[in-house]
Amino acid sequence: MEGSLHVAYKHLASVAVFIEQATVDERLADNEHVSFETELRQLEDDYEMGLYWLLCALHRAIHVAGGNVDHEVVAEVRRIRVLNVDRNAMRHIRDYLVLRDFERLLNRLSIEFTVLRYIYMYLRT
């Protein structure tokens, strides 16, 4: 299970980089009639189910399982660079793809952790 926690942490930390860039870009965007900065910030910061809350929960779970977050994972995530996009249409496409893939990742993790939970419960009986 610890391996699954590390993989989930790595994927969610990578997504956090892209969501943060999308949030910054929404704040700085010119010639926009609608801004999604508030919605993106809520995805990141919601104190009950935001992305950073999930990362903290995974971090705690890794420690409870007796492990540590791999320093190479942290270094790899820090090396991620999101290209600046100078056209709003390209930025919207980039952000849509990030959000779409984030949703797919969350769905997959939800299924994987549900299965792991049932396996764990079965093995305890």
C-alpha atoms as a PDB file:
ATOM      1  CA  MET A   1       0.000   0.000   0.000  1.00  0.00           C
ATOM      2  CA  GLU A   2       2.879   2.355   0.748  1.00  0.00           C
ATOM      3  CA  GLY A   3       3.925   2.222  -2.924  1.00  0.00           C
ATOM      4  CA  SER A   4       0.450   3.328  -3.973  1.00  0.00           C
ATOM      5  CA  LEU A   5       0.643   6.224  -1.544  1.00  0.00           C
ATOM      6  CA  HIS A   6       3.962   7.361  -3.022  1.00  0.00           C
ATOM      7  CA  VAL A   7       2.663   7.144  -6.588  1.00  0.00           C
ATOM      8  CA  ALA A   8      -0.470   9.083  -5.661  1.00  0.00           C
ATOM      9  CA  TYR A   9       1.621  11.718  -3.886  1.00  0.00           C
ATOM     10  CA  LYS A  10       3.921  12.128  -6.889  1.00  0.00           C
ATOM     11  CA  HIS A  11       1.043  12.487  -9.353  1.00  0.00           C
ATOM     12  CA  LEU A  12      -0.905  14.935  -7.193  1.00  0.00           C
ATOM     13  CA  ALA A  13       2.198  17.015  -6.446  1.00  0.00           C
ATOM     14  CA  SER A  14       2.852  17.245 -10.193  1.00  0.00           C
ATOM     15  CA  VAL A  15      -0.720  18.368 -10.822  1.00  0.00           C
ATOM     16  CA  ALA A  16      -0.321  21.006  -8.098  1.00  0.00           C
ATOM     17  CA  VAL A  17       2.418  22.685 -10.138  1.00  0.00           C
ATOM     18  CA  PHE A  18       0.125  23.019 -13.155  1.00  0.00           C
ATOM     19  CA  ILE A  19      -2.916  24.142 -11.134  1.00  0.00           C
ATOM     20  CA  GLU A  20      -0.806  26.805  -9.427  1.00  0.00           C
ATOM     21  CA  GLN A  21       0.403  28.084 -12.811  1.00  0.00           C
ATOM     22  CA  ALA A  22      -3.168  28.146 -14.120  1.00  0.00           C
ATOM     23  CA  THR A  23      -4.211  30.162 -11.064  1.00  0.00           C
ATOM     24  CA  VAL A  24      -1.394  32.677 -11.557  1.00  0.00           C
ATOM     25  CA  ASP A  25      -2.172  32.964 -15.266  1.00  0.00           C
ATOM     26  CA  GLU A  26      -5.856  33.611 -14.545  1.00  0.00           C
ATOM     27  CA  ARG A  27      -4.883  36.422 -12.203  1.00  0.00           C
ATOM     28  CA  LEU A  28      -2.550  37.997 -14.771  1.00  0.00           C
ATOM     29  CA  ALA A  29      -4.688  37.437 -17.887  1.00  0.00           C
ATOM     30  CA  ASP A  30      -5.537  40.440 -20.029  1.00  0.00           C
ATOM     31  CA  ASN A  31      -8.665  40.888 -22.124  1.00  0.00           C
ATOM     32  CA  GLU A  32     -10.652  38.273 -20.220  1.00  0.00           C
ATOM     33  CA  HIS A  33     -14.327  38.747 -19.434  1.00  0.00           C
ATOM     34  CA  VAL A  34     -14.421  35.916 -16.902  1.00  0.00           C
ATOM     35  CA  SER A  35     -11.748  34.784 -14.486  1.00  0.00           C
ATOM     36  CA  PHE A  36     -11.578  31.327 -12.923  1.00  0.00           C
ATOM     37  CA  GLU A  37      -8.925  32.304 -10.387  1.00  0.00           C
ATOM     38  CA  THR A  38     -11.298  31.841  -7.437  1.00  0.00           C
ATOM     39  CA  GLU A  39     -12.382  28.391  -8.601  1.00  0.00           C
ATOM     40  CA  LEU A  40      -8.803  27.285  -9.238  1.00  0.00           C
ATOM     41  CA  ARG A  41      -7.696  28.623  -5.854  1.00  0.00           C
ATOM     42  CA  GLN A  42     -10.520  26.662  -4.220  1.00  0.00           C
ATOM     43  CA  LEU A  43      -9.329  23.468  -5.956  1.00  0.00           C
ATOM     44  CA  GLU A  44      -5.961  24.071  -4.346  1.00  0.00           C
ATOM     45  CA  ASP A  45      -6.850  25.429  -0.925  1.00  0.00           C
ATOM     46  CA  ASP A  46     -10.192  23.965   0.174  1.00  0.00           C
ATOM     47  CA  TYR A  47      -9.539  22.968   3.777  1.00  0.00           C
ATOM     48  CA  GLU A  48     -11.605  19.764   3.610  1.00  0.00           C
ATOM     49  CA  MET A  49     -10.867  18.380   0.170  1.00  0.00           C
ATOM     50  CA  GLY A  50      -8.524  20.643  -1.747  1.00  0.00           C
ATOM     51  CA  LEU A  51      -5.422  19.462  -3.531  1.00  0.00           C
ATOM     52  CA  TYR A  52      -3.072  20.610  -0.772  1.00  0.00           C
ATOM     53  CA  TRP A  53      -5.301  18.930   1.825  1.00  0.00           C
ATOM     54  CA  LEU A  54      -5.031  15.675  -0.174  1.00  0.00           C
ATOM     55  CA  LEU A  55      -1.253  16.016  -0.373  1.00  0.00           C
ATOM     56  CA  CYS A  56      -1.037  16.557   3.391  1.00  0.00           C
ATOM     57  CA  ALA A  57      -3.288  13.543   4.013  1.00  0.00           C
ATOM     58  CA  LEU A  58      -1.130  11.374   1.748  1.00  0.00           C
ATOM     59  CA  HIS A  59       2.017  12.667   3.443  1.00  0.00           C
ATOM     60  CA  ARG A  60       0.591  11.705   6.848  1.00  0.00           C
ATOM     61  CA  ALA A  61      -0.503   8.294   5.536  1.00  0.00           C
ATOM     62  CA  ILE A  62       2.982   7.610   4.191  1.00  0.00           C
ATOM     63  CA  HIS A  63       4.464   8.426   7.599  1.00  0.00           C
ATOM     64  CA  VAL A  64       1.864   6.299   9.425  1.00  0.00           C
ATOM     65  CA  ALA A  65       2.788   3.412   7.106  1.00  0.00           C
ATOM     66  CA  GLY A  66       6.385   3.843   8.286  1.00  0.00           C
ATOM     67  CA  GLY A  67       7.767   5.546   5.193  1.00  0.00           C
ATOM     68  CA  ASN A  68       8.994   8.926   4.110  1.00  0.00           C
ATOM     69  CA  VAL A  69       8.297  10.926   0.998  1.00  0.00           C
ATOM     70  CA  ASP A  70      11.150  10.145  -1.377  1.00  0.00           C
ATOM     71  CA  HIS A  71      13.437  13.165  -1.774  1.00  0.00           C
ATOM     72  CA  GLU A  72      13.865  12.344  -5.465  1.00  0.00           C
ATOM     73  CA  VAL A  73      10.092  12.668  -5.940  1.00  0.00           C
ATOM     74  CA  VAL A  74      10.177  16.115  -4.364  1.00  0.00           C
ATOM     75  CA  ALA A  75      13.182  17.114  -6.484  1.00  0.00           C
ATOM     76  CA  GLU A  76      11.487  15.810  -9.635  1.00  0.00           C
ATOM     77  CA  VAL A  77       8.335  17.817  -8.934  1.00  0.00           C
ATOM     78  CA  ARG A  78      10.408  20.940  -8.268  1.00  0.00           C
ATOM     79  CA  ARG A  79      12.036  20.560 -11.690  1.00  0.00           C
ATOM     80  CA  ILE A  80       8.682  20.778 -13.491  1.00  0.00           C
ATOM     81  CA  ARG A  81       8.457  23.945 -15.548  1.00  0.00           C
ATOM     82  CA  VAL A  82       5.213  25.068 -17.086  1.00  0.00           C
ATOM     83  CA  LEU A  83       5.699  26.975 -20.307  1.00  0.00           C
ATOM     84  CA  ASN A  84       4.304  30.473 -20.399  1.00  0.00           C
ATOM     85  CA  VAL A  85       1.600  30.806 -23.005  1.00  0.00           C
ATOM     86  CA  ASP A  86       1.168  34.207 -24.603  1.00  0.00           C
ATOM     87  CA  ARG A  87      -2.293  33.632 -26.108  1.00  0.00           C
ATOM     88  CA  ASN A  88      -5.430  33.269 -24.013  1.00  0.00           C
ATOM     89  CA  ALA A  89      -6.844  30.529 -26.253  1.00  0.00           C
ATOM     90  CA  MET A  90      -3.736  28.372 -25.805  1.00  0.00           C
ATOM     91  CA  ARG A  91      -3.805  28.996 -22.054  1.00  0.00           C
ATOM     92  CA  HIS A  92      -7.446  27.904 -21.906  1.00  0.00           C
ATOM     93  CA  ILE A  93      -6.650  24.702 -23.798  1.00  0.00           C
ATOM     94  CA  ARG A  94      -3.663  23.972 -21.540  1.00  0.00           C
ATOM     95  CA  ASP A  95      -5.707  24.576 -18.397  1.00  0.00           C
ATOM     96  CA  TYR A  96      -8.619  22.499 -19.675  1.00  0.00           C
ATOM     97  CA  LEU A  97      -6.278  19.563 -20.340  1.00  0.00           C
ATOM     98  CA  VAL A  98      -4.736  19.894 -16.877  1.00  0.00           C
ATOM     99  CA  LEU A  99      -8.153  19.949 -15.203  1.00  0.00           C
ATOM    100  CA  ARG A 100      -9.407  17.056 -17.331  1.00  0.00           C
ATOM    101  CA  ASP A 101      -6.391  14.937 -16.462  1.00  0.00           C
ATOM    102  CA  PHE A 102      -6.655  15.944 -12.799  1.00  0.00           C
ATOM    103  CA  GLU A 103     -10.241  14.688 -12.736  1.00  0.00           C
ATOM    104  CA  ARG A 104      -9.201  11.416 -14.374  1.00  0.00           C
ATOM    105  CA  LEU A 105      -6.381  11.010 -11.850  1.00  0.00           C
ATOM    106  CA  LEU A 106      -8.736  11.605  -8.923  1.00  0.00           C
ATOM    107  CA  ASN A 107     -11.221   9.076 -10.303  1.00  0.00           C
ATOM    108  CA  ARG A 108      -8.482   6.484 -10.747  1.00  0.00           C
ATOM    109  CA  LEU A 109      -7.069   7.090  -7.269  1.00  0.00           C
ATOM    110  CA  SER A 110     -10.538   6.863  -5.775  1.00  0.00           C
ATOM    111  CA  ILE A 111     -11.015   3.431  -7.348  1.00  0.00           C
ATOM    112  CA  GLU A 112      -7.531   2.214  -6.388  1.00  0.00           C
ATOM    113  CA  PHE A 113      -7.824   3.301  -2.765  1.00  0.00           C
ATOM    114  CA  THR A 114     -11.327   1.858  -2.462  1.00  0.00           C
ATOM    115  CA  VAL A 115     -10.009  -1.488  -3.682  1.00  0.00           C
ATOM    116  CA  LEU A 116      -7.024  -1.278  -1.323  1.00  0.00           C
ATOM    117  CA  ARG A 117      -9.349  -0.465   1.568  1.00  0.00           C
ATOM    118  CA  TYR A 118     -11.486  -3.548   0.859  1.00  0.00           C
ATOM    119  CA  ILE A 119      -8.409  -5.754   0.525  1.00  0.00           C
ATOM    120  CA  TYR A 120      -7.056  -4.403   3.809  1.00  0.00           C
ATOM    121  CA  MET A 121     -10.407  -4.997   5.538  1.00  0.00           C
ATOM    122  CA  TYR A 122     -10.590  -8.522   4.101  1.00  0.00           C
ATOM    123  CA  LEU A 123      -7.071  -9.384   5.260  1.00  0.00           C
ATOM    124  CA  ARG A 124      -7.830  -8.144   8.775  1.00  0.00           C
ATOM    125  CA  THR A 125     -10.761 -10.556   9.165  1.00  0.00           C
END
